[in-house]
Amino acid sequence: AAPPPTTTTPTGPRQVTYSVTGTKAPGDIISVTYVDASGRRRTQHNVYIPWSMTVTPISQSDVGSVEASSLFRLSRLNCSITTSDGTVLSSNSNDAPQTSC
């Protein structure tokens, strides 16, 4: 007998989520720089923690990057880059005033 036909669900474009976690010190200003879906670097200033951004990179092999920094070097920051299925592509949990993934 022939094997039953296999049905495949088309997978959409892969998404990656940049996350910045940690502790924001009172009065401190945190800036986050990340690579957007077009491969351009974007910066957001005075963000709140936890921060996250989900993008769909043009290239399936591109994981992008995320960096966060504390203006007064008082906050403790960590970061991660994960895929939509939960795979961790990069992470840094050094609780430092500056972090990058």
PDB file of N, CA and C in Angstrom:
ATOM      1  N   ALA A   1       0.850  -1.202   0.000  1.00  0.00           N
ATOM      2  CA  ALA A   1       0.000   0.000   0.000  1.00  0.00           C
ATOM      3  C   ALA A   1       0.879   1.243   0.000  1.00  0.00           C
ATOM      4  N   ALA A   2       0.388   2.250  -0.676  1.00  0.00           N
ATOM      5  CA  ALA A   2       1.149   3.503  -0.746  1.00  0.00           C
ATOM      6  C   ALA A   2       1.053   4.236   0.592  1.00  0.00           C
ATOM      7  N   PRO A   3       2.120   4.913   0.996  1.00  0.00           N
ATOM      8  CA  PRO A   3       2.041   5.665   2.261  1.00  0.00           C
ATOM      9  C   PRO A   3       1.047   6.810   2.119  1.00  0.00           C
ATOM     10  N   PRO A   4       0.418   7.188   3.210  1.00  0.00           N
ATOM     11  CA  PRO A   4      -0.554   8.288   3.134  1.00  0.00           C
ATOM     12  C   PRO A   4       0.149   9.579   2.708  1.00  0.00           C
ATOM     13  N   PRO A   5      -0.560  10.427   1.979  1.00  0.00           N
ATOM     14  CA  PRO A   5       0.073  11.681   1.556  1.00  0.00           C
ATOM     15  C   PRO A   5       0.430  12.540   2.763  1.00  0.00           C
ATOM     16  N   THR A   6       1.559  13.183   2.695  1.00  0.00           N
ATOM     17  CA  THR A   6       1.950  14.052   3.808  1.00  0.00           C
ATOM     18  C   THR A   6       1.528  15.474   3.481  1.00  0.00           C
ATOM     19  N   THR A   7       0.992  16.115   4.464  1.00  0.00           N
ATOM     20  CA  THR A   7       0.603  17.509   4.263  1.00  0.00           C
ATOM     21  C   THR A   7       1.606  18.371   5.011  1.00  0.00           C
ATOM     22  N   THR A   8       2.064  19.392   4.364  1.00  0.00           N
ATOM     23  CA  THR A   8       3.006  20.295   5.018  1.00  0.00           C
ATOM     24  C   THR A   8       2.341  21.645   5.180  1.00  0.00           C
ATOM     25  N   THR A   9       2.511  22.186   6.350  1.00  0.00           N
ATOM     26  CA  THR A   9       1.985  23.517   6.606  1.00  0.00           C
ATOM     27  C   THR A   9       3.066  24.504   6.198  1.00  0.00           C
ATOM     28  N   PRO A  10       2.745  25.413   5.308  1.00  0.00           N
ATOM     29  CA  PRO A  10       3.789  26.363   4.917  1.00  0.00           C
ATOM     30  C   PRO A  10       4.192  27.229   6.102  1.00  0.00           C
ATOM     31  N   THR A  11       5.471  27.347   6.319  1.00  0.00           N
ATOM     32  CA  THR A  11       5.923  28.198   7.405  1.00  0.00           C
ATOM     33  C   THR A  11       6.136  29.587   6.849  1.00  0.00           C
ATOM     34  N   GLY A  12       5.637  30.539   7.558  1.00  0.00           N
ATOM     35  CA  GLY A  12       5.787  31.925   7.128  1.00  0.00           C
ATOM     36  C   GLY A  12       7.213  32.377   7.336  1.00  0.00           C
ATOM     37  N   PRO A  13       7.483  33.622   7.033  1.00  0.00           N
ATOM     38  CA  PRO A  13       8.827  34.140   7.256  1.00  0.00           C
ATOM     39  C   PRO A  13       9.195  34.020   8.729  1.00  0.00           C
ATOM     40  N   ARG A  14      10.437  33.708   8.989  1.00  0.00           N
ATOM     41  CA  ARG A  14      10.889  33.549  10.364  1.00  0.00           C
ATOM     42  C   ARG A  14      10.937  34.912  11.048  1.00  0.00           C
ATOM     43  N   GLN A  15      10.447  34.954  12.257  1.00  0.00           N
ATOM     44  CA  GLN A  15      10.506  36.189  13.034  1.00  0.00           C
ATOM     45  C   GLN A  15      11.536  36.041  14.143  1.00  0.00           C
ATOM     46  N   VAL A  16      12.160  37.130  14.501  1.00  0.00           N
ATOM     47  CA  VAL A  16      13.042  37.139  15.662  1.00  0.00           C
ATOM     48  C   VAL A  16      12.563  38.237  16.604  1.00  0.00           C
ATOM     49  N   THR A  17      12.713  37.971  17.897  1.00  0.00           N
ATOM     50  CA  THR A  17      12.326  38.948  18.909  1.00  0.00           C
ATOM     51  C   THR A  17      13.557  39.365  19.690  1.00  0.00           C
ATOM     52  N   TYR A  18      13.799  40.661  19.714  1.00  0.00           N
ATOM     53  CA  TYR A  18      14.863  41.231  20.539  1.00  0.00           C
ATOM     54  C   TYR A  18      14.245  41.588  21.883  1.00  0.00           C
ATOM     55  N   SER A  19      14.929  41.254  22.963  1.00  0.00           N
ATOM     56  CA  SER A  19      14.424  41.592  24.294  1.00  0.00           C
ATOM     57  C   SER A  19      15.532  42.216  25.125  1.00  0.00           C
ATOM     58  N   VAL A  20      15.155  43.208  25.914  1.00  0.00           N
ATOM     59  CA  VAL A  20      16.066  43.784  26.898  1.00  0.00           C
ATOM     60  C   VAL A  20      15.349  43.720  28.236  1.00  0.00           C
ATOM     61  N   THR A  21      16.003  43.108  29.211  1.00  0.00           N
ATOM     62  CA  THR A  21      15.426  42.970  30.546  1.00  0.00           C
ATOM     63  C   THR A  21      16.434  43.504  31.556  1.00  0.00           C
ATOM     64  N   GLY A  22      16.042  43.502  32.794  1.00  0.00           N
ATOM     65  CA  GLY A  22      16.944  43.948  33.847  1.00  0.00           C
ATOM     66  C   GLY A  22      16.250  44.913  34.779  1.00  0.00           C
ATOM     67  N   THR A  23      17.039  45.806  35.366  1.00  0.00           N
ATOM     68  CA  THR A  23      16.533  46.757  36.341  1.00  0.00           C
ATOM     69  C   THR A  23      16.914  48.163  35.911  1.00  0.00           C
ATOM     70  N   LYS A  24      15.899  49.007  35.707  1.00  0.00           N
ATOM     71  CA  LYS A  24      16.147  50.405  35.332  1.00  0.00           C
ATOM     72  C   LYS A  24      16.229  51.228  36.609  1.00  0.00           C
ATOM     73  N   ALA A  25      17.349  51.914  36.783  1.00  0.00           N
ATOM     74  CA  ALA A  25      17.518  52.762  37.963  1.00  0.00           C
ATOM     75  C   ALA A  25      16.632  54.001  37.837  1.00  0.00           C
ATOM     76  N   PRO A  26      16.095  54.508  38.957  1.00  0.00           N
ATOM     77  CA  PRO A  26      15.256  55.710  38.905  1.00  0.00           C
ATOM     78  C   PRO A  26      16.024  56.872  38.282  1.00  0.00           C
ATOM     79  N   GLY A  27      15.394  57.547  37.336  1.00  0.00           N
ATOM     80  CA  GLY A  27      16.012  58.698  36.701  1.00  0.00           C
ATOM     81  C   GLY A  27      17.002  58.371  35.601  1.00  0.00           C
ATOM     82  N   ASP A  28      17.323  57.094  35.427  1.00  0.00           N
ATOM     83  CA  ASP A  28      18.267  56.715  34.383  1.00  0.00           C
ATOM     84  C   ASP A  28      17.557  56.715  33.033  1.00  0.00           C
ATOM     85  N   ILE A  29      18.318  56.851  31.968  1.00  0.00           N
ATOM     86  CA  ILE A  29      17.766  56.829  30.614  1.00  0.00           C
ATOM     87  C   ILE A  29      18.420  55.682  29.861  1.00  0.00           C
ATOM     88  N   ILE A  30      17.596  54.793  29.331  1.00  0.00           N
ATOM     89  CA  ILE A  30      18.099  53.621  28.619  1.00  0.00           C
ATOM     90  C   ILE A  30      17.815  53.779  27.137  1.00  0.00           C
ATOM     91  N   SER A  31      18.839  53.544  26.330  1.00  0.00           N
ATOM     92  CA  SER A  31      18.695  53.573  24.875  1.00  0.00           C
ATOM     93  C   SER A  31      18.900  52.172  24.336  1.00  0.00           C
ATOM     94  N   VAL A  32      18.088  51.807  23.340  1.00  0.00           N
ATOM     95  CA  VAL A  32      18.195  50.495  22.708  1.00  0.00           C
ATOM     96  C   VAL A  32      18.429  50.702  21.219  1.00  0.00           C
ATOM     97  N   THR A  33      19.433  50.020  20.684  1.00  0.00           N
ATOM     98  CA  THR A  33      19.712  50.054  19.249  1.00  0.00           C
ATOM     99  C   THR A  33      19.539  48.642  18.716  1.00  0.00           C
ATOM    100  N   TYR A  34      18.774  48.501  17.638  1.00  0.00           N
ATOM    101  CA  TYR A  34      18.520  47.180  17.074  1.00  0.00           C
ATOM    102  C   TYR A  34      18.541  47.268  15.558  1.00  0.00           C
ATOM    103  N   VAL A  35      18.620  46.103  14.918  1.00  0.00           N
ATOM    104  CA  VAL A  35      18.590  46.037  13.460  1.00  0.00           C
ATOM    105  C   VAL A  35      17.163  45.715  13.039  1.00  0.00           C
ATOM    106  N   ASP A  36      16.567  46.587  12.214  1.00  0.00           N
ATOM    107  CA  ASP A  36      15.175  46.380  11.815  1.00  0.00           C
ATOM    108  C   ASP A  36      15.067  45.354  10.688  1.00  0.00           C
ATOM    109  N   ALA A  37      13.845  45.128  10.216  1.00  0.00           N
ATOM    110  CA  ALA A  37      13.590  44.093   9.213  1.00  0.00           C
ATOM    111  C   ALA A  37      14.341  44.358   7.910  1.00  0.00           C
ATOM    112  N   SER A  38      14.671  45.618   7.641  1.00  0.00           N
ATOM    113  CA  SER A  38      15.384  45.965   6.409  1.00  0.00           C
ATOM    114  C   SER A  38      16.894  45.923   6.580  1.00  0.00           C
ATOM    115  N   GLY A  39      17.357  45.578   7.779  1.00  0.00           N
ATOM    116  CA  GLY A  39      18.789  45.527   8.025  1.00  0.00           C
ATOM    117  C   GLY A  39      19.380  46.854   8.465  1.00  0.00           C
ATOM    118  N   ARG A  40      18.526  47.842   8.737  1.00  0.00           N
ATOM    119  CA  ARG A  40      19.010  49.152   9.184  1.00  0.00           C
ATOM    120  C   ARG A  40      19.015  49.228  10.707  1.00  0.00           C
ATOM    121  N   ARG A  41      20.009  49.928  11.230  1.00  0.00           N
ATOM    122  CA  ARG A  41      20.082  50.117  12.681  1.00  0.00           C
ATOM    123  C   ARG A  41      19.107  51.211  13.104  1.00  0.00           C
ATOM    124  N   ARG A  42      18.342  50.932  14.137  1.00  0.00           N
ATOM    125  CA  ARG A  42      17.377  51.894  14.683  1.00  0.00           C
ATOM    126  C   ARG A  42      17.685  52.069  16.167  1.00  0.00           C
ATOM    127  N   THR A  43      17.467  53.264  16.668  1.00  0.00           N
ATOM    128  CA  THR A  43      17.689  53.512  18.093  1.00  0.00           C
ATOM    129  C   THR A  43      16.426  54.099  18.708  1.00  0.00           C
ATOM    130  N   GLN A  44      16.059  53.567  19.864  1.00  0.00           N
ATOM    131  CA  GLN A  44      14.955  54.127  20.649  1.00  0.00           C
ATOM    132  C   GLN A  44      15.551  54.619  21.963  1.00  0.00           C
ATOM    133  N   HIS A  45      15.210  55.857  22.330  1.00  0.00           N
ATOM    134  CA  HIS A  45      15.760  56.461  23.542  1.00  0.00           C
ATOM    135  C   HIS A  45      14.717  56.463  24.655  1.00  0.00           C
ATOM    136  N   ASN A  46      15.210  56.440  25.878  1.00  0.00           N
ATOM    137  CA  ASN A  46      14.367  56.520  27.068  1.00  0.00           C
ATOM    138  C   ASN A  46      13.294  55.428  27.075  1.00  0.00           C
ATOM    139  N   VAL A  47      13.727  54.185  26.858  1.00  0.00           N
ATOM    140  CA  VAL A  47      12.781  53.062  26.828  1.00  0.00           C
ATOM    141  C   VAL A  47      12.556  52.529  28.242  1.00  0.00           C
ATOM    142  N   TYR A  48      11.457  51.820  28.402  1.00  0.00           N
ATOM    143  CA  TYR A  48      11.149  51.168  29.669  1.00  0.00           C
ATOM    144  C   TYR A  48      11.550  49.702  29.576  1.00  0.00           C
ATOM    145  N   ILE A  49      11.953  49.160  30.706  1.00  0.00           N
ATOM    146  CA  ILE A  49      12.363  47.762  30.801  1.00  0.00           C
ATOM    147  C   ILE A  49      11.230  47.004  31.475  1.00  0.00           C
ATOM    148  N   PRO A  50      10.837  45.833  31.039  1.00  0.00           N
ATOM    149  CA  PRO A  50      11.382  45.100  29.885  1.00  0.00           C
ATOM    150  C   PRO A  50      10.930  45.693  28.547  1.00  0.00           C
ATOM    151  N   TRP A  51      11.825  45.616  27.558  1.00  0.00           N
ATOM    152  CA  TRP A  51      11.578  46.114  26.202  1.00  0.00           C
ATOM    153  C   TRP A  51      11.708  44.940  25.247  1.00  0.00           C
ATOM    154  N   SER A  52      10.845  44.899  24.234  1.00  0.00           N
ATOM    155  CA  SER A  52      11.017  43.871  23.202  1.00  0.00           C
ATOM    156  C   SER A  52      10.509  44.398  21.870  1.00  0.00           C
ATOM    157  N   MET A  53      11.050  43.831  20.806  1.00  0.00           N
ATOM    158  CA  MET A  53      10.679  44.213  19.445  1.00  0.00           C
ATOM    159  C   MET A  53      10.772  42.955  18.597  1.00  0.00           C
ATOM    160  N   THR A  54       9.703  42.658  17.852  1.00  0.00           N
ATOM    161  CA  THR A  54       9.707  41.498  16.963  1.00  0.00           C
ATOM    162  C   THR A  54       9.813  41.987  15.528  1.00  0.00           C
ATOM    163  N   VAL A  55      10.767  41.427  14.793  1.00  0.00           N
ATOM    164  CA  VAL A  55      10.959  41.810  13.393  1.00  0.00           C
ATOM    165  C   VAL A  55      11.015  40.554  12.537  1.00  0.00           C
ATOM    166  N   THR A  56      10.736  40.720  11.262  1.00  0.00           N
ATOM    167  CA  THR A  56      10.857  39.629  10.298  1.00  0.00           C
ATOM    168  C   THR A  56      11.992  40.005   9.349  1.00  0.00           C
ATOM    169  N   PRO A  57      13.199  39.476   9.593  1.00  0.00           N
ATOM    170  CA  PRO A  57      14.334  39.853   8.756  1.00  0.00           C
ATOM    171  C   PRO A  57      14.118  39.454   7.301  1.00  0.00           C
ATOM    172  N   ILE A  58      14.636  40.271   6.387  1.00  0.00           N
ATOM    173  CA  ILE A  58      14.555  39.949   4.963  1.00  0.00           C
ATOM    174  C   ILE A  58      15.287  38.638   4.701  1.00  0.00           C
ATOM    175  N   SER A  59      16.463  38.499   5.303  1.00  0.00           N
ATOM    176  CA  SER A  59      17.269  37.296   5.102  1.00  0.00           C
ATOM    177  C   SER A  59      16.977  36.299   6.215  1.00  0.00           C
ATOM    178  N   GLN A  60      16.720  35.058   5.853  1.00  0.00           N
ATOM    179  CA  GLN A  60      16.440  34.032   6.859  1.00  0.00           C
ATOM    180  C   GLN A  60      17.672  33.720   7.701  1.00  0.00           C
ATOM    181  N   SER A  61      18.859  34.040   7.179  1.00  0.00           N
ATOM    182  CA  SER A  61      20.075  33.731   7.933  1.00  0.00           C
ATOM    183  C   SER A  61      20.485  34.877   8.851  1.00  0.00           C
ATOM    184  N   ASP A  62      19.858  36.035   8.672  1.00  0.00           N
ATOM    185  CA  ASP A  62      20.238  37.200   9.463  1.00  0.00           C
ATOM    186  C   ASP A  62      19.527  37.179  10.803  1.00  0.00           C
ATOM    187  N   VAL A  63      20.281  37.190  11.893  1.00  0.00           N
ATOM    188  CA  VAL A  63      19.650  37.202  13.211  1.00  0.00           C
ATOM    189  C   VAL A  63      19.582  38.610  13.779  1.00  0.00           C
ATOM    190  N   GLY A  64      20.265  39.570  13.125  1.00  0.00           N
ATOM    191  CA  GLY A  64      20.214  40.934  13.610  1.00  0.00           C
ATOM    192  C   GLY A  64      21.019  41.111  14.880  1.00  0.00           C
ATOM    193  N   SER A  65      20.781  42.210  15.555  1.00  0.00           N
ATOM    194  CA  SER A  65      21.474  42.468  16.814  1.00  0.00           C
ATOM    195  C   SER A  65      20.663  43.467  17.629  1.00  0.00           C
ATOM    196  N   VAL A  66      20.929  43.464  18.925  1.00  0.00           N
ATOM    197  CA  VAL A  66      20.293  44.434  19.817  1.00  0.00           C
ATOM    198  C   VAL A  66      21.335  44.846  20.853  1.00  0.00           C
ATOM    199  N   GLU A  67      21.361  46.129  21.153  1.00  0.00           N
ATOM    200  CA  GLU A  67      22.269  46.659  22.163  1.00  0.00           C
ATOM    201  C   GLU A  67      21.465  47.595  23.052  1.00  0.00           C
ATOM    202  N   ALA A  68      21.809  47.630  24.320  1.00  0.00           N
ATOM    203  CA  ALA A  68      21.153  48.553  25.240  1.00  0.00           C
ATOM    204  C   ALA A  68      22.213  49.195  26.113  1.00  0.00           C
ATOM    205  N   SER A  69      22.014  50.471  26.420  1.00  0.00           N
ATOM    206  CA  SER A  69      22.973  51.145  27.286  1.00  0.00           C
ATOM    207  C   SER A  69      22.248  52.094  28.232  1.00  0.00           C
ATOM    208  N   SER A  70      22.856  52.259  29.393  1.00  0.00           N
ATOM    209  CA  SER A  70      22.332  53.103  30.453  1.00  0.00           C
ATOM    210  C   SER A  70      23.116  54.413  30.448  1.00  0.00           C
ATOM    211  N   LEU A  71      22.420  55.538  30.290  1.00  0.00           N
ATOM    212  CA  LEU A  71      23.087  56.835  30.187  1.00  0.00           C
ATOM    213  C   LEU A  71      23.951  57.126  31.410  1.00  0.00           C
ATOM    214  N   PHE A  72      23.404  56.905  32.596  1.00  0.00           N
ATOM    215  CA  PHE A  72      24.138  57.221  33.822  1.00  0.00           C
ATOM    216  C   PHE A  72      24.856  55.995  34.393  1.00  0.00           C
ATOM    217  N   ARG A  73      24.831  54.899  33.644  1.00  0.00           N
ATOM    218  CA  ARG A  73      25.506  53.648  34.011  1.00  0.00           C
ATOM    219  C   ARG A  73      25.029  53.112  35.369  1.00  0.00           C
ATOM    220  N   LEU A  74      23.735  53.347  35.668  1.00  0.00           N
ATOM    221  CA  LEU A  74      23.177  52.907  36.946  1.00  0.00           C
ATOM    222  C   LEU A  74      22.291  51.679  36.792  1.00  0.00           C
ATOM    223  N   SER A  75      21.745  51.472  35.597  1.00  0.00           N
ATOM    224  CA  SER A  75      20.813  50.366  35.383  1.00  0.00           C
ATOM    225  C   SER A  75      21.572  49.074  35.118  1.00  0.00           C
ATOM    226  N   ARG A  76      20.895  47.949  35.341  1.00  0.00           N
ATOM    227  CA  ARG A  76      21.486  46.629  35.112  1.00  0.00           C
ATOM    228  C   ARG A  76      20.714  45.979  33.976  1.00  0.00           C
ATOM    229  N   LEU A  77      21.380  45.742  32.848  1.00  0.00           N
ATOM    230  CA  LEU A  77      20.694  45.318  31.632  1.00  0.00           C
ATOM    231  C   LEU A  77      21.148  43.951  31.145  1.00  0.00           C
ATOM    232  N   ASN A  78      20.199  43.223  30.547  1.00  0.00           N
ATOM    233  CA  ASN A  78      20.446  41.930  29.907  1.00  0.00           C
ATOM    234  C   ASN A  78      19.709  41.941  28.575  1.00  0.00           C
ATOM    235  N   CYS A  79      20.101  41.047  27.658  1.00  0.00           N
ATOM    236  CA  CYS A  79      19.407  41.014  26.373  1.00  0.00           C
ATOM    237  C   CYS A  79      19.333  39.591  25.842  1.00  0.00           C
ATOM    238  N   SER A  80      18.427  39.409  24.882  1.00  0.00           N
ATOM    239  CA  SER A  80      18.335  38.120  24.199  1.00  0.00           C
ATOM    240  C   SER A  80      17.710  38.323  22.827  1.00  0.00           C
ATOM    241  N   ILE A  81      18.012  37.376  21.939  1.00  0.00           N
ATOM    242  CA  ILE A  81      17.375  37.321  20.623  1.00  0.00           C
ATOM    243  C   ILE A  81      16.814  35.915  20.489  1.00  0.00           C
ATOM    244  N   THR A  82      15.498  35.813  20.287  1.00  0.00           N
ATOM    245  CA  THR A  82      14.860  34.501  20.162  1.00  0.00           C
ATOM    246  C   THR A  82      14.041  34.448  18.882  1.00  0.00           C
ATOM    247  N   THR A  83      13.837  33.225  18.377  1.00  0.00           N
ATOM    248  CA  THR A  83      12.997  33.044  17.197  1.00  0.00           C
ATOM    249  C   THR A  83      11.567  32.801  17.646  1.00  0.00           C
ATOM    250  N   SER A  84      10.642  32.811  16.681  1.00  0.00           N
ATOM    251  CA  SER A  84       9.225  32.650  17.015  1.00  0.00           C
ATOM    252  C   SER A  84       8.927  31.283  17.623  1.00  0.00           C
ATOM    253  N   ASP A  85       9.812  30.291  17.394  1.00  0.00           N
ATOM    254  CA  ASP A  85       9.564  28.976  18.014  1.00  0.00           C
ATOM    255  C   ASP A  85      10.273  28.840  19.361  1.00  0.00           C
ATOM    256  N   GLY A  86      10.861  29.930  19.841  1.00  0.00           N
ATOM    257  CA  GLY A  86      11.456  29.915  21.171  1.00  0.00           C
ATOM    258  C   GLY A  86      12.941  29.609  21.211  1.00  0.00           C
ATOM    259  N   THR A  87      13.570  29.382  20.061  1.00  0.00           N
ATOM    260  CA  THR A  87      15.003  29.104  20.036  1.00  0.00           C
ATOM    261  C   THR A  87      15.780  30.373  20.382  1.00  0.00           C
ATOM    262  N   VAL A  88      16.691  30.259  21.346  1.00  0.00           N
ATOM    263  CA  VAL A  88      17.511  31.409  21.732  1.00  0.00           C
ATOM    264  C   VAL A  88      18.719  31.479  20.806  1.00  0.00           C
ATOM    265  N   LEU A  89      18.806  32.560  20.029  1.00  0.00           N
ATOM    266  CA  LEU A  89      19.917  32.732  19.096  1.00  0.00           C
ATOM    267  C   LEU A  89      21.107  33.395  19.770  1.00  0.00           C
ATOM    268  N   SER A  90      20.828  34.275  20.721  1.00  0.00           N
ATOM    269  CA  SER A  90      21.891  34.983  21.424  1.00  0.00           C
ATOM    270  C   SER A  90      21.326  35.507  22.730  1.00  0.00           C
ATOM    271  N   SER A  91      22.133  35.479  23.770  1.00  0.00           N
ATOM    272  CA  SER A  91      21.675  36.069  25.028  1.00  0.00           C
ATOM    273  C   SER A  91      22.879  36.530  25.834  1.00  0.00           C
ATOM    274  N   ASN A  92      22.640  37.500  26.686  1.00  0.00           N
ATOM    275  CA  ASN A  92      23.680  38.050  27.531  1.00  0.00           C
ATOM    276  C   ASN A  92      23.009  38.461  28.832  1.00  0.00           C
ATOM    277  N   SER A  93      23.408  37.841  29.930  1.00  0.00           N
ATOM    278  CA  SER A  93      22.766  38.153  31.215  1.00  0.00           C
ATOM    279  C   SER A  93      23.822  38.603  32.217  1.00  0.00           C
ATOM    280  N   ASN A  94      24.547  39.656  31.848  1.00  0.00           N
ATOM    281  CA  ASN A  94      25.626  40.122  32.717  1.00  0.00           C
ATOM    282  C   ASN A  94      25.220  41.244  33.668  1.00  0.00           C
ATOM    283  N   ASP A  95      23.936  41.633  33.659  1.00  0.00           N
ATOM    284  CA  ASP A  95      23.462  42.687  34.575  1.00  0.00           C
ATOM    285  C   ASP A  95      24.385  43.900  34.557  1.00  0.00           C
ATOM    286  N   ALA A  96      24.734  44.365  33.357  1.00  0.00           N
ATOM    287  CA  ALA A  96      25.684  45.466  33.220  1.00  0.00           C
ATOM    288  C   ALA A  96      24.983  46.724  32.711  1.00  0.00           C
ATOM    289  N   PRO A  97      25.634  47.898  32.838  1.00  0.00           N
ATOM    290  CA  PRO A  97      25.044  49.137  32.321  1.00  0.00           C
ATOM    291  C   PRO A  97      24.962  49.152  30.797  1.00  0.00           C
ATOM    292  N   GLN A  98      25.671  48.220  30.156  1.00  0.00           N
ATOM    293  CA  GLN A  98      25.653  48.124  28.703  1.00  0.00           C
ATOM    294  C   GLN A  98      25.622  46.645  28.343  1.00  0.00           C
ATOM    295  N   THR A  99      24.809  46.278  27.354  1.00  0.00           N
ATOM    296  CA  THR A  99      24.731  44.876  26.957  1.00  0.00           C
ATOM    297  C   THR A  99      24.497  44.801  25.462  1.00  0.00           C
ATOM    298  N   SER A 100      24.927  43.700  24.851  1.00  0.00           N
ATOM    299  CA  SER A 100      24.672  43.529  23.418  1.00  0.00           C
ATOM    300  C   SER A 100      24.504  42.059  23.096  1.00  0.00           C
ATOM    301  N   CYS A 101      23.649  41.785  22.109  1.00  0.00           N
ATOM    302  CA  CYS A 101      23.379  40.424  21.654  1.00  0.00           C
ATOM    303  C   CYS A 101      23.427  40.402  20.136  1.00  0.00           C
TER     304      CYS A 101
END
